[in-house]
């Protein structure tokens, strides 16, 4: 989780990036076949940060559902996660 559990629309916690980096390092060093997923506060600004920190999968609620161009936003996030 990259937000405090409880409700949608919260701000991404900066500490999540550090945790993602640590987990990515452990996963890669040990050859684990694990996809690292991040959930919470994902939007246009935080998605690239999470991917750069090591996330493979992005979970976004408010970013997608609180906007009229849902499909465009889905394609944006999928593109980041697949780079």
PDB file of N, CA and C in Angstrom:
ATOM      1  N   UNK A   1       0.843  -1.184   0.000  1.00  0.00           N
ATOM      2  CA  UNK A   1       0.000   0.000   0.000  1.00  0.00           C
ATOM      3  C   UNK A   1       0.886   1.244   0.000  1.00  0.00           C
ATOM      4  N   UNK A   2       0.505   2.153  -0.835  1.00  0.00           N
ATOM      5  CA  UNK A   2       1.260   3.405  -0.906  1.00  0.00           C
ATOM      6  C   UNK A   2       0.447   4.574  -0.347  1.00  0.00           C
ATOM      7  N   UNK A   3      -0.581   4.240   0.450  1.00  0.00           N
ATOM      8  CA  UNK A   3      -1.389   5.210   1.197  1.00  0.00           C
ATOM      9  C   UNK A   3      -1.752   4.552   2.522  1.00  0.00           C
ATOM     10  N   UNK A   4      -2.296   5.329   3.429  1.00  0.00           N
ATOM     11  CA  UNK A   4      -2.814   4.751   4.667  1.00  0.00           C
ATOM     12  C   UNK A   4      -4.120   4.020   4.328  1.00  0.00           C
ATOM     13  N   UNK A   5      -4.290   2.779   4.775  1.00  0.00           N
ATOM     14  CA  UNK A   5      -5.521   2.041   4.462  1.00  0.00           C
ATOM     15  C   UNK A   5      -6.759   2.786   4.967  1.00  0.00           C
ATOM     16  N   UNK A   6      -7.826   2.681   4.206  1.00  0.00           N
ATOM     17  CA  UNK A   6      -9.058   3.271   4.685  1.00  0.00           C
ATOM     18  C   UNK A   6     -10.002   3.784   3.627  1.00  0.00           C
ATOM     19  N   UNK A   7      -9.526   4.674   2.760  1.00  0.00           N
ATOM     20  CA  UNK A   7     -10.445   5.250   1.781  1.00  0.00           C
ATOM     21  C   UNK A   7      -9.689   5.688   0.530  1.00  0.00           C
ATOM     22  N   UNK A   8     -10.416   5.819  -0.576  1.00  0.00           N
ATOM     23  CA  UNK A   8      -9.825   6.200  -1.847  1.00  0.00           C
ATOM     24  C   UNK A   8      -9.503   7.677  -1.919  1.00  0.00           C
ATOM     25  N   UNK A   9      -8.706   8.024  -2.909  1.00  0.00           N
ATOM     26  CA  UNK A   9      -8.389   9.416  -3.177  1.00  0.00           C
ATOM     27  C   UNK A   9      -7.276  10.004  -2.333  1.00  0.00           C
ATOM     28  N   UNK A  10      -6.535   9.158  -1.636  1.00  0.00           N
ATOM     29  CA  UNK A  10      -5.458   9.664  -0.781  1.00  0.00           C
ATOM     30  C   UNK A  10      -4.199   9.971  -1.584  1.00  0.00           C
ATOM     31  N   UNK A  11      -3.329  10.756  -0.979  1.00  0.00           N
ATOM     32  CA  UNK A  11      -2.051  11.137  -1.573  1.00  0.00           C
ATOM     33  C   UNK A  11      -1.049   9.983  -1.427  1.00  0.00           C
ATOM     34  N   UNK A  12      -0.292   9.758  -2.478  1.00  0.00           N
ATOM     35  CA  UNK A  12       0.782   8.760  -2.501  1.00  0.00           C
ATOM     36  C   UNK A  12       1.823   9.112  -1.438  1.00  0.00           C
ATOM     37  N   UNK A  13       2.197   8.154  -0.631  1.00  0.00           N
ATOM     38  CA  UNK A  13       3.206   8.367   0.401  1.00  0.00           C
ATOM     39  C   UNK A  13       4.603   8.216  -0.202  1.00  0.00           C
ATOM     40  N   UNK A  14       5.431   9.207  -0.034  1.00  0.00           N
ATOM     41  CA  UNK A  14       6.789   9.167  -0.581  1.00  0.00           C
ATOM     42  C   UNK A  14       7.571   7.954  -0.080  1.00  0.00           C
ATOM     43  N   UNK A  15       7.291   7.517   1.133  1.00  0.00           N
ATOM     44  CA  UNK A  15       8.003   6.371   1.702  1.00  0.00           C
ATOM     45  C   UNK A  15       7.732   5.086   0.916  1.00  0.00           C
ATOM     46  N   UNK A  16       6.656   5.057   0.142  1.00  0.00           N
ATOM     47  CA  UNK A  16       6.332   3.872  -0.646  1.00  0.00           C
ATOM     48  C   UNK A  16       7.405   3.606  -1.703  1.00  0.00           C
ATOM     49  N   UNK A  17       7.969   4.641  -2.272  1.00  0.00           N
ATOM     50  CA  UNK A  17       8.995   4.470  -3.306  1.00  0.00           C
ATOM     51  C   UNK A  17      10.226   3.768  -2.751  1.00  0.00           C
ATOM     52  N   UNK A  18      10.616   4.157  -1.564  1.00  0.00           N
ATOM     53  CA  UNK A  18      11.769   3.517  -0.921  1.00  0.00           C
ATOM     54  C   UNK A  18      11.480   2.039  -0.662  1.00  0.00           C
ATOM     55  N   UNK A  19      10.282   1.724  -0.216  1.00  0.00           N
ATOM     56  CA  UNK A  19       9.893   0.331   0.027  1.00  0.00           C
ATOM     57  C   UNK A  19       9.868  -0.465  -1.269  1.00  0.00           C
ATOM     58  N   UNK A  20       9.359   0.145  -2.332  1.00  0.00           N
ATOM     59  CA  UNK A  20       9.340  -0.524  -3.632  1.00  0.00           C
ATOM     60  C   UNK A  20      10.758  -0.830  -4.103  1.00  0.00           C
ATOM     61  N   UNK A  21      11.659   0.122  -3.940  1.00  0.00           N
ATOM     62  CA  UNK A  21      13.051  -0.086  -4.354  1.00  0.00           C
ATOM     63  C   UNK A  21      13.684  -1.243  -3.590  1.00  0.00           C
ATOM     64  N   UNK A  22      13.431  -1.291  -2.294  1.00  0.00           N
ATOM     65  CA  UNK A  22      13.981  -2.367  -1.464  1.00  0.00           C
ATOM     66  C   UNK A  22      13.418  -3.720  -1.889  1.00  0.00           C
ATOM     67  N   UNK A  23      12.109  -3.776  -2.074  1.00  0.00           N
ATOM     68  CA  UNK A  23      11.477  -5.032  -2.500  1.00  0.00           C
ATOM     69  C   UNK A  23      11.967  -5.462  -3.877  1.00  0.00           C
ATOM     70  N   UNK A  24      12.086  -4.513  -4.804  1.00  0.00           N
ATOM     71  CA  UNK A  24      12.572  -4.838  -6.150  1.00  0.00           C
ATOM     72  C   UNK A  24      13.962  -5.434  -6.084  1.00  0.00           C
ATOM     73  N   UNK A  25      14.817  -4.874  -5.238  1.00  0.00           N
ATOM     74  CA  UNK A  25      16.185  -5.367  -5.091  1.00  0.00           C
ATOM     75  C   UNK A  25      16.186  -6.804  -4.576  1.00  0.00           C
ATOM     76  N   UNK A  26      15.400  -7.088  -3.566  1.00  0.00           N
ATOM     77  CA  UNK A  26      15.314  -8.443  -3.000  1.00  0.00           C
ATOM     78  C   UNK A  26      14.778  -9.427  -4.040  1.00  0.00           C
ATOM     79  N   UNK A  27      13.731  -9.030  -4.743  1.00  0.00           N
ATOM     80  CA  UNK A  27      13.135  -9.886  -5.772  1.00  0.00           C
ATOM     81  C   UNK A  27      14.163 -10.220  -6.849  1.00  0.00           C
ATOM     82  N   UNK A  28      14.835  -9.202  -7.356  1.00  0.00           N
ATOM     83  CA  UNK A  28      15.795  -9.401  -8.433  1.00  0.00           C
ATOM     84  C   UNK A  28      17.022 -10.186  -7.981  1.00  0.00           C
ATOM     85  N   UNK A  29      17.556  -9.880  -6.810  1.00  0.00           N
ATOM     86  CA  UNK A  29      18.748 -10.564  -6.317  1.00  0.00           C
ATOM     87  C   UNK A  29      18.511 -12.047  -6.087  1.00  0.00           C
ATOM     88  N   UNK A  30      17.290 -12.409  -5.740  1.00  0.00           N
ATOM     89  CA  UNK A  30      16.978 -13.798  -5.434  1.00  0.00           C
ATOM     90  C   UNK A  30      16.309 -14.537  -6.588  1.00  0.00           C
ATOM     91  N   UNK A  31      16.098 -13.847  -7.685  1.00  0.00           N
ATOM     92  CA  UNK A  31      15.496 -14.477  -8.849  1.00  0.00           C
ATOM     93  C   UNK A  31      14.054 -14.907  -8.643  1.00  0.00           C
ATOM     94  N   UNK A  32      13.369 -14.257  -7.720  1.00  0.00           N
ATOM     95  CA  UNK A  32      11.972 -14.592  -7.467  1.00  0.00           C
ATOM     96  C   UNK A  32      11.116 -14.212  -8.670  1.00  0.00           C
ATOM     97  N   UNK A  33      10.156 -15.024  -8.968  1.00  0.00           N
ATOM     98  CA  UNK A  33       9.221 -14.737 -10.056  1.00  0.00           C
ATOM     99  C   UNK A  33       7.984 -14.083  -9.447  1.00  0.00           C
ATOM    100  N   UNK A  34       8.166 -12.821  -9.077  1.00  0.00           N
ATOM    101  CA  UNK A  34       7.120 -12.057  -8.396  1.00  0.00           C
ATOM    102  C   UNK A  34       6.895 -10.766  -9.167  1.00  0.00           C
ATOM    103  N   UNK A  35       5.635 -10.433  -9.366  1.00  0.00           N
ATOM    104  CA  UNK A  35       5.289  -9.137  -9.958  1.00  0.00           C
ATOM    105  C   UNK A  35       4.940  -8.205  -8.800  1.00  0.00           C
ATOM    106  N   UNK A  36       5.596  -7.093  -8.747  1.00  0.00           N
ATOM    107  CA  UNK A  36       5.435  -6.134  -7.658  1.00  0.00           C
ATOM    108  C   UNK A  36       4.331  -5.135  -8.008  1.00  0.00           C
ATOM    109  N   UNK A  37       3.311  -5.102  -7.166  1.00  0.00           N
ATOM    110  CA  UNK A  37       2.131  -4.264  -7.411  1.00  0.00           C
ATOM    111  C   UNK A  37       2.047  -3.163  -6.372  1.00  0.00           C
ATOM    112  N   UNK A  38       1.653  -1.973  -6.820  1.00  0.00           N
ATOM    113  CA  UNK A  38       1.489  -0.851  -5.903  1.00  0.00           C
ATOM    114  C   UNK A  38       0.052  -0.343  -6.003  1.00  0.00           C
ATOM    115  N   UNK A  39      -0.527  -0.066  -4.844  1.00  0.00           N
ATOM    116  CA  UNK A  39      -1.928   0.328  -4.762  1.00  0.00           C
ATOM    117  C   UNK A  39      -2.066   1.533  -3.849  1.00  0.00           C
ATOM    118  N   UNK A  40      -2.553   2.641  -4.409  1.00  0.00           N
ATOM    119  CA  UNK A  40      -2.842   3.816  -3.598  1.00  0.00           C
ATOM    120  C   UNK A  40      -2.150   5.064  -4.081  1.00  0.00           C
ATOM    121  N   UNK A  41      -2.934   6.091  -4.368  1.00  0.00           N
ATOM    122  CA  UNK A  41      -2.380   7.382  -4.749  1.00  0.00           C
ATOM    123  C   UNK A  41      -1.775   7.410  -6.135  1.00  0.00           C
ATOM    124  N   UNK A  42      -2.116   6.444  -6.974  1.00  0.00           N
ATOM    125  CA  UNK A  42      -1.534   6.383  -8.314  1.00  0.00           C
ATOM    126  C   UNK A  42      -2.266   7.341  -9.250  1.00  0.00           C
ATOM    127  N   UNK A  43      -1.474   8.190  -9.918  1.00  0.00           N
ATOM    128  CA  UNK A  43      -2.008   9.135 -10.891  1.00  0.00           C
ATOM    129  C   UNK A  43      -0.906   9.452 -11.902  1.00  0.00           C
ATOM    130  N   UNK A  44      -1.099  10.473 -12.736  1.00  0.00           N
ATOM    131  CA  UNK A  44      -0.107  10.807 -13.763  1.00  0.00           C
ATOM    132  C   UNK A  44       1.252  11.180 -13.178  1.00  0.00           C
ATOM    133  N   UNK A  45       1.248  11.761 -12.004  1.00  0.00           N
ATOM    134  CA  UNK A  45       2.515  12.175 -11.382  1.00  0.00           C
ATOM    135  C   UNK A  45       3.193  11.030 -10.645  1.00  0.00           C
ATOM    136  N   UNK A  46       2.421  10.216  -9.949  1.00  0.00           N
ATOM    137  CA  UNK A  46       3.018   9.180  -9.102  1.00  0.00           C
ATOM    138  C   UNK A  46       3.259   7.859  -9.816  1.00  0.00           C
ATOM    139  N   UNK A  47       2.526   7.583 -10.873  1.00  0.00           N
ATOM    140  CA  UNK A  47       2.708   6.324 -11.598  1.00  0.00           C
ATOM    141  C   UNK A  47       4.140   6.159 -12.105  1.00  0.00           C
ATOM    142  N   UNK A  48       4.725   7.151 -12.784  1.00  0.00           N
ATOM    143  CA  UNK A  48       6.115   6.992 -13.232  1.00  0.00           C
ATOM    144  C   UNK A  48       7.096   6.819 -12.070  1.00  0.00           C
ATOM    145  N   UNK A  49       6.815   7.446 -10.953  1.00  0.00           N
ATOM    146  CA  UNK A  49       7.672   7.310  -9.771  1.00  0.00           C
ATOM    147  C   UNK A  49       7.631   5.872  -9.266  1.00  0.00           C
ATOM    148  N   UNK A  50       6.432   5.312  -9.186  1.00  0.00           N
ATOM    149  CA  UNK A  50       6.274   3.936  -8.704  1.00  0.00           C
ATOM    150  C   UNK A  50       6.931   2.937  -9.656  1.00  0.00           C
ATOM    151  N   UNK A  51       6.761   3.142 -10.950  1.00  0.00           N
ATOM    152  CA  UNK A  51       7.378   2.243 -11.935  1.00  0.00           C
ATOM    153  C   UNK A  51       8.893   2.345 -11.867  1.00  0.00           C
ATOM    154  N   UNK A  52       9.405   3.546 -11.767  1.00  0.00           N
ATOM    155  CA  UNK A  52      10.856   3.733 -11.661  1.00  0.00           C
ATOM    156  C   UNK A  52      11.407   3.083 -10.393  1.00  0.00           C
ATOM    157  N   UNK A  53      10.613   3.078  -9.331  1.00  0.00           N
ATOM    158  CA  UNK A  53      11.033   2.472  -8.065  1.00  0.00           C
ATOM    159  C   UNK A  53      10.978   0.951  -8.111  1.00  0.00           C
ATOM    160  N   UNK A  54      10.274   0.389  -9.127  1.00  0.00           N
ATOM    161  CA  UNK A  54      10.280  -1.066  -9.255  1.00  0.00           C
ATOM    162  C   UNK A  54       8.934  -1.733  -9.411  1.00  0.00           C
ATOM    163  N   UNK A  55       7.860  -0.975  -9.437  1.00  0.00           N
ATOM    164  CA  UNK A  55       6.529  -1.576  -9.562  1.00  0.00           C
ATOM    165  C   UNK A  55       6.316  -2.146 -10.960  1.00  0.00           C
ATOM    166  N   UNK A  56       5.683  -3.319 -11.021  1.00  0.00           N
ATOM    167  CA  UNK A  56       5.302  -3.944 -12.282  1.00  0.00           C
ATOM    168  C   UNK A  56       3.839  -3.677 -12.606  1.00  0.00           C
ATOM    169  N   UNK A  57       3.030  -3.582 -11.566  1.00  0.00           N
ATOM    170  CA  UNK A  57       1.586  -3.401 -11.714  1.00  0.00           C
ATOM    171  C   UNK A  57       1.140  -2.182 -10.925  1.00  0.00           C
ATOM    172  N   UNK A  58       0.222  -1.426 -11.496  1.00  0.00           N
ATOM    173  CA  UNK A  58      -0.300  -0.225 -10.850  1.00  0.00           C
ATOM    174  C   UNK A  58      -1.801  -0.384 -10.626  1.00  0.00           C
ATOM    175  N   UNK A  59      -2.245  -0.102  -9.417  1.00  0.00           N
ATOM    176  CA  UNK A  59      -3.670  -0.121  -9.095  1.00  0.00           C
ATOM    177  C   UNK A  59      -4.105   1.324  -8.896  1.00  0.00           C
ATOM    178  N   UNK A  60      -5.122   1.717  -9.651  1.00  0.00           N
ATOM    179  CA  UNK A  60      -5.598   3.103  -9.562  1.00  0.00           C
ATOM    180  C   UNK A  60      -7.113   3.099  -9.503  1.00  0.00           C
ATOM    181  N   UNK A  61      -7.658   3.823  -8.564  1.00  0.00           N
ATOM    182  CA  UNK A  61      -9.104   3.936  -8.440  1.00  0.00           C
ATOM    183  C   UNK A  61      -9.567   5.323  -8.803  1.00  0.00           C
ATOM    184  N   UNK A  62      -9.344   6.261  -7.925  1.00  0.00           N
ATOM    185  CA  UNK A  62      -9.809   7.636  -8.130  1.00  0.00           C
ATOM    186  C   UNK A  62      -9.271   8.246  -9.417  1.00  0.00           C
ATOM    187  N   UNK A  63      -8.032   7.979  -9.735  1.00  0.00           N
ATOM    188  CA  UNK A  63      -7.430   8.516 -10.960  1.00  0.00           C
ATOM    189  C   UNK A  63      -8.219   8.087 -12.197  1.00  0.00           C
ATOM    190  N   UNK A  64      -8.718   6.861 -12.179  1.00  0.00           N
ATOM    191  CA  UNK A  64      -9.471   6.355 -13.324  1.00  0.00           C
ATOM    192  C   UNK A  64     -10.943   6.743 -13.273  1.00  0.00           C
ATOM    193  N   UNK A  65     -11.568   6.502 -12.154  1.00  0.00           N
ATOM    194  CA  UNK A  65     -13.014   6.622 -12.077  1.00  0.00           C
ATOM    195  C   UNK A  65     -13.518   8.044 -11.861  1.00  0.00           C
ATOM    196  N   UNK A  66     -12.656   8.952 -11.487  1.00  0.00           N
ATOM    197  CA  UNK A  66     -13.064  10.342 -11.282  1.00  0.00           C
ATOM    198  C   UNK A  66     -12.730  11.210 -12.484  1.00  0.00           C
ATOM    199  N   UNK A  67     -12.716  10.614 -13.649  1.00  0.00           N
ATOM    200  CA  UNK A  67     -12.377  11.358 -14.847  1.00  0.00           C
ATOM    201  C   UNK A  67     -13.201  10.840 -16.016  1.00  0.00           C
ATOM    202  N   UNK A  68     -13.582  11.719 -16.913  1.00  0.00           N
ATOM    203  CA  UNK A  68     -14.431  11.327 -18.034  1.00  0.00           C
ATOM    204  C   UNK A  68     -13.689  10.500 -19.082  1.00  0.00           C
ATOM    205  N   UNK A  69     -12.367  10.624 -19.173  1.00  0.00           N
ATOM    206  CA  UNK A  69     -11.606   9.899 -20.185  1.00  0.00           C
ATOM    207  C   UNK A  69     -10.917   8.670 -19.583  1.00  0.00           C
ATOM    208  N   UNK A  70     -11.728   7.756 -19.078  1.00  0.00           N
ATOM    209  CA  UNK A  70     -11.271   6.534 -18.417  1.00  0.00           C
ATOM    210  C   UNK A  70     -10.305   5.735 -19.303  1.00  0.00           C
ATOM    211  N   UNK A  71     -10.689   5.489 -20.552  1.00  0.00           N
ATOM    212  CA  UNK A  71      -9.891   4.651 -21.459  1.00  0.00           C
ATOM    213  C   UNK A  71      -8.506   5.261 -21.694  1.00  0.00           C
ATOM    214  N   UNK A  72      -8.433   6.548 -21.906  1.00  0.00           N
ATOM    215  CA  UNK A  72      -7.143   7.216 -22.120  1.00  0.00           C
ATOM    216  C   UNK A  72      -6.233   7.019 -20.911  1.00  0.00           C
ATOM    217  N   UNK A  73      -6.787   7.134 -19.732  1.00  0.00           N
ATOM    218  CA  UNK A  73      -5.996   6.975 -18.506  1.00  0.00           C
ATOM    219  C   UNK A  73      -5.551   5.524 -18.315  1.00  0.00           C
ATOM    220  N   UNK A  74      -6.408   4.584 -18.651  1.00  0.00           N
ATOM    221  CA  UNK A  74      -6.028   3.166 -18.565  1.00  0.00           C
ATOM    222  C   UNK A  74      -4.850   2.900 -19.496  1.00  0.00           C
ATOM    223  N   UNK A  75      -4.932   3.391 -20.720  1.00  0.00           N
ATOM    224  CA  UNK A  75      -3.842   3.188 -21.682  1.00  0.00           C
ATOM    225  C   UNK A  75      -2.547   3.833 -21.203  1.00  0.00           C
ATOM    226  N   UNK A  76      -2.649   4.996 -20.586  1.00  0.00           N
ATOM    227  CA  UNK A  76      -1.458   5.663 -20.049  1.00  0.00           C
ATOM    228  C   UNK A  76      -0.782   4.784 -18.994  1.00  0.00           C
ATOM    229  N   UNK A  77      -1.552   4.295 -18.040  1.00  0.00           N
ATOM    230  CA  UNK A  77      -0.982   3.469 -16.971  1.00  0.00           C
ATOM    231  C   UNK A  77      -0.437   2.157 -17.516  1.00  0.00           C
ATOM    232  N   UNK A  78      -1.151   1.542 -18.425  1.00  0.00           N
ATOM    233  CA  UNK A  78      -0.666   0.279 -19.011  1.00  0.00           C
ATOM    234  C   UNK A  78       0.638   0.494 -19.740  1.00  0.00           C
ATOM    235  N   UNK A  79       0.761   1.608 -20.417  1.00  0.00           N
ATOM    236  CA  UNK A  79       2.001   1.913 -21.127  1.00  0.00           C
ATOM    237  C   UNK A  79       3.188   2.061 -20.197  1.00  0.00           C
ATOM    238  N   UNK A  80       2.979   2.688 -19.058  1.00  0.00           N
ATOM    239  CA  UNK A  80       4.053   2.841 -18.071  1.00  0.00           C
ATOM    240  C   UNK A  80       4.477   1.510 -17.503  1.00  0.00           C
ATOM    241  N   UNK A  81       3.518   0.700 -17.140  1.00  0.00           N
ATOM    242  CA  UNK A  81       3.805  -0.585 -16.495  1.00  0.00           C
ATOM    243  C   UNK A  81       4.452  -1.567 -17.452  1.00  0.00           C
ATOM    244  N   UNK A  82       4.277  -1.378 -18.733  1.00  0.00           N
ATOM    245  CA  UNK A  82       4.835  -2.309 -19.716  1.00  0.00           C
ATOM    246  C   UNK A  82       6.153  -1.864 -20.316  1.00  0.00           C
ATOM    247  N   UNK A  83       6.670  -0.738 -19.888  1.00  0.00           N
ATOM    248  CA  UNK A  83       7.953  -0.244 -20.439  1.00  0.00           C
ATOM    249  C   UNK A  83       9.095  -1.103 -19.993  1.00  0.00           C
TER     250      UNK A  83
END
